[in-house]
Amino acid sequence: MAIKSAPTQKATIEEAIDLAITAVNLGDLGKGKAALNWVLEQDPANTTAWLWLACCMTDDEAKQDCYKHVSLITSRN
């Protein structure tokens, strides 16, 4: 299955998250990260994207940063 590295401008956030999840589950963290970064450019408060982005991070500090974003977003709601 071929996976694009990042969604096109016409992609929806939901489609981009689906693309990212598929990439991550197939072990292609780079493509998953690219798609999730696109989502976060469109919607910085998307907790699903932040949680999946944490899965793409190999550095524990970067993972924690993603989780902190989720915590801040959810505490405001």
N, C-alpha and C. Protein backbone atom coordinates (compact mmCIF):
# COMPACT_ATOMS: atom_id res chain seq x y z
N MET A 1 0.84 -1.17 0.00
CA MET A 1 0.00 0.00 0.00
C MET A 1 0.89 1.24 0.00
N ALA A 2 0.70 2.10 -0.95
CA ALA A 2 1.48 3.34 -1.03
C ALA A 2 0.83 4.39 -0.15
N ILE A 3 1.64 5.11 0.57
CA ILE A 3 1.14 6.16 1.46
C ILE A 3 1.84 7.45 1.08
N LYS A 4 1.08 8.49 0.90
CA LYS A 4 1.65 9.80 0.62
C LYS A 4 2.36 10.30 1.87
N SER A 5 3.35 11.15 1.67
CA SER A 5 4.10 11.66 2.82
C SER A 5 3.35 12.75 3.57
N ALA A 6 2.46 13.45 2.89
CA ALA A 6 1.66 14.48 3.55
C ALA A 6 0.38 14.65 2.75
N PRO A 7 -0.69 15.01 3.40
CA PRO A 7 -1.96 15.20 2.70
C PRO A 7 -1.90 16.37 1.72
N THR A 8 -2.78 16.33 0.75
CA THR A 8 -2.88 17.45 -0.18
C THR A 8 -3.74 18.53 0.46
N GLN A 9 -3.76 19.70 -0.14
CA GLN A 9 -4.56 20.80 0.40
C GLN A 9 -6.04 20.46 0.47
N LYS A 10 -6.50 19.57 -0.43
CA LYS A 10 -7.93 19.22 -0.45
C LYS A 10 -8.30 18.16 0.57
N ALA A 11 -7.31 17.58 1.23
CA ALA A 11 -7.59 16.54 2.21
C ALA A 11 -8.27 17.15 3.43
N THR A 12 -9.11 16.36 4.02
CA THR A 12 -9.72 16.80 5.27
C THR A 12 -8.83 16.37 6.43
N ILE A 13 -9.06 16.98 7.55
CA ILE A 13 -8.30 16.62 8.74
C ILE A 13 -8.52 15.15 9.07
N GLU A 14 -9.74 14.69 8.96
CA GLU A 14 -10.04 13.28 9.24
C GLU A 14 -9.28 12.35 8.31
N GLU A 15 -9.23 12.69 7.02
CA GLU A 15 -8.48 11.87 6.06
C GLU A 15 -6.99 11.86 6.39
N ALA A 16 -6.48 13.01 6.79
CA ALA A 16 -5.06 13.10 7.13
C ALA A 16 -4.74 12.27 8.37
N ILE A 17 -5.63 12.29 9.35
CA ILE A 17 -5.40 11.48 10.55
C ILE A 17 -5.45 10.00 10.18
N ASP A 18 -6.39 9.61 9.34
CA ASP A 18 -6.45 8.21 8.89
C ASP A 18 -5.17 7.81 8.18
N LEU A 19 -4.67 8.69 7.31
CA LEU A 19 -3.42 8.43 6.59
C LEU A 19 -2.27 8.26 7.59
N ALA A 20 -2.23 9.14 8.59
CA ALA A 20 -1.18 9.09 9.59
C ALA A 20 -1.24 7.81 10.40
N ILE A 21 -2.42 7.43 10.83
CA ILE A 21 -2.57 6.22 11.64
C ILE A 21 -2.13 4.99 10.84
N THR A 22 -2.52 4.94 9.58
CA THR A 22 -2.10 3.83 8.73
C THR A 22 -0.58 3.79 8.62
N ALA A 23 0.04 4.94 8.38
CA ALA A 23 1.49 5.01 8.26
C ALA A 23 2.17 4.55 9.55
N VAL A 24 1.70 5.04 10.69
CA VAL A 24 2.30 4.66 11.97
C VAL A 24 2.15 3.17 12.21
N ASN A 25 0.96 2.64 11.94
CA ASN A 25 0.73 1.21 12.15
C ASN A 25 1.58 0.34 11.23
N LEU A 26 1.97 0.89 10.07
CA LEU A 26 2.85 0.17 9.15
C LEU A 26 4.33 0.41 9.46
N GLY A 27 4.59 1.22 10.48
CA GLY A 27 5.96 1.48 10.90
C GLY A 27 6.64 2.64 10.19
N ASP A 28 5.89 3.37 9.39
CA ASP A 28 6.46 4.51 8.68
C ASP A 28 6.21 5.79 9.48
N LEU A 29 7.04 5.97 10.51
CA LEU A 29 6.84 7.08 11.43
C LEU A 29 7.05 8.43 10.77
N GLY A 30 7.94 8.50 9.79
CA GLY A 30 8.19 9.76 9.09
C GLY A 30 6.96 10.25 8.35
N LYS A 31 6.30 9.34 7.64
CA LYS A 31 5.09 9.73 6.91
C LYS A 31 3.95 10.04 7.87
N GLY A 32 3.86 9.28 8.94
CA GLY A 32 2.85 9.56 9.94
C GLY A 32 3.06 10.93 10.57
N LYS A 33 4.30 11.23 10.88
CA LYS A 33 4.63 12.53 11.48
C LYS A 33 4.31 13.67 10.52
N ALA A 34 4.63 13.49 9.24
CA ALA A 34 4.35 14.54 8.26
C ALA A 34 2.85 14.83 8.17
N ALA A 35 2.05 13.78 8.13
CA ALA A 35 0.60 13.96 8.04
C ALA A 35 0.06 14.61 9.31
N LEU A 36 0.56 14.21 10.46
CA LEU A 36 0.09 14.78 11.72
C LEU A 36 0.51 16.24 11.87
N ASN A 37 1.71 16.56 11.42
CA ASN A 37 2.12 17.97 11.44
C ASN A 37 1.22 18.82 10.56
N TRP A 38 0.79 18.28 9.42
CA TRP A 38 -0.16 18.99 8.55
C TRP A 38 -1.47 19.23 9.30
N VAL A 39 -1.96 18.20 9.97
CA VAL A 39 -3.20 18.34 10.74
C VAL A 39 -3.04 19.44 11.78
N LEU A 40 -1.92 19.44 12.48
CA LEU A 40 -1.72 20.42 13.55
C LEU A 40 -1.53 21.83 13.02
N GLU A 41 -1.08 21.96 11.78
CA GLU A 41 -1.04 23.29 11.16
C GLU A 41 -2.46 23.79 10.92
N GLN A 42 -3.37 22.88 10.57
CA GLN A 42 -4.76 23.24 10.31
C GLN A 42 -5.55 23.43 11.60
N ASP A 43 -5.25 22.58 12.59
CA ASP A 43 -6.01 22.56 13.84
C ASP A 43 -5.06 22.26 15.01
N PRO A 44 -4.41 23.29 15.55
CA PRO A 44 -3.43 23.08 16.63
C PRO A 44 -4.00 22.45 17.90
N ALA A 45 -5.30 22.45 18.06
CA ALA A 45 -5.92 21.89 19.26
C ALA A 45 -6.46 20.48 19.03
N ASN A 46 -5.99 19.80 18.01
CA ASN A 46 -6.48 18.46 17.70
C ASN A 46 -5.75 17.44 18.59
N THR A 47 -6.43 16.99 19.62
CA THR A 47 -5.79 16.08 20.59
C THR A 47 -5.46 14.72 19.97
N THR A 48 -6.26 14.26 19.04
CA THR A 48 -5.96 12.99 18.39
C THR A 48 -4.63 13.07 17.66
N ALA A 49 -4.41 14.17 16.97
CA ALA A 49 -3.15 14.35 16.24
C ALA A 49 -1.97 14.42 17.21
N TRP A 50 -2.13 15.12 18.32
CA TRP A 50 -1.05 15.21 19.30
C TRP A 50 -0.72 13.84 19.89
N LEU A 51 -1.75 13.05 20.19
CA LEU A 51 -1.50 11.72 20.76
C LEU A 51 -0.79 10.80 19.77
N TRP A 52 -1.23 10.81 18.52
CA TRP A 52 -0.56 9.99 17.51
C TRP A 52 0.84 10.51 17.20
N LEU A 53 1.03 11.82 17.26
CA LEU A 53 2.36 12.38 17.03
C LEU A 53 3.32 11.87 18.11
N ALA A 54 2.84 11.73 19.32
CA ALA A 54 3.69 11.17 20.39
C ALA A 54 4.18 9.77 20.01
N CYS A 55 3.35 9.01 19.32
CA CYS A 55 3.75 7.66 18.88
C CYS A 55 4.86 7.70 17.84
N CYS A 56 5.00 8.82 17.15
CA CYS A 56 6.03 8.97 16.12
C CYS A 56 7.36 9.42 16.69
N MET A 57 7.35 9.88 17.90
CA MET A 57 8.57 10.43 18.50
C MET A 57 9.43 9.34 19.11
N THR A 58 10.72 9.39 18.83
CA THR A 58 11.64 8.41 19.39
C THR A 58 12.29 8.95 20.66
N ASP A 59 12.23 10.24 20.85
CA ASP A 59 12.81 10.90 22.02
C ASP A 59 11.74 11.05 23.10
N ASP A 60 12.06 10.63 24.32
CA ASP A 60 11.09 10.71 25.41
C ASP A 60 10.65 12.14 25.71
N GLU A 61 11.57 13.09 25.59
CA GLU A 61 11.22 14.48 25.85
C GLU A 61 10.21 15.00 24.81
N ALA A 62 10.39 14.61 23.57
CA ALA A 62 9.46 15.02 22.51
C ALA A 62 8.09 14.38 22.74
N LYS A 63 8.07 13.13 23.18
CA LYS A 63 6.80 12.47 23.50
C LYS A 63 6.08 13.23 24.60
N GLN A 64 6.82 13.59 25.66
CA GLN A 64 6.24 14.32 26.78
C GLN A 64 5.68 15.66 26.33
N ASP A 65 6.36 16.31 25.40
CA ASP A 65 5.88 17.58 24.88
C ASP A 65 4.52 17.41 24.22
N CYS A 66 4.37 16.33 23.46
CA CYS A 66 3.08 16.05 22.81
C CYS A 66 2.00 15.83 23.86
N TYR A 67 2.32 15.06 24.89
CA TYR A 67 1.34 14.79 25.95
C TYR A 67 0.98 16.06 26.71
N LYS A 68 1.94 16.97 26.87
CA LYS A 68 1.66 18.24 27.55
C LYS A 68 0.66 19.06 26.74
N HIS A 69 0.80 19.03 25.41
CA HIS A 69 -0.16 19.75 24.56
C HIS A 69 -1.57 19.20 24.78
N VAL A 70 -1.68 17.88 24.83
CA VAL A 70 -2.99 17.25 25.05
C VAL A 70 -3.55 17.67 26.41
N SER A 71 -2.71 17.66 27.42
CA SER A 71 -3.15 18.04 28.76
C SER A 71 -3.64 19.49 28.80
N LEU A 72 -2.88 20.38 28.16
CA LEU A 72 -3.30 21.79 28.13
C LEU A 72 -4.61 21.98 27.38
N ILE A 73 -4.76 21.29 26.27
CA ILE A 73 -5.98 21.42 25.46
C ILE A 73 -7.18 20.89 26.23
N THR A 74 -7.04 19.74 26.84
CA THR A 74 -8.18 19.13 27.53
C THR A 74 -8.52 19.88 28.82
N SER A 75 -7.53 20.51 29.43
CA SER A 75 -7.82 21.26 30.66
C SER A 75 -8.60 22.55 30.37
N ARG A 76 -8.52 23.04 29.15
CA ARG A 76 -9.26 24.25 28.76
C ARG A 76 -10.72 23.95 28.43
N ASN A 77 -11.01 22.69 28.16
CA ASN A 77 -12.39 22.32 27.76
C ASN A 77 -13.24 21.99 28.91
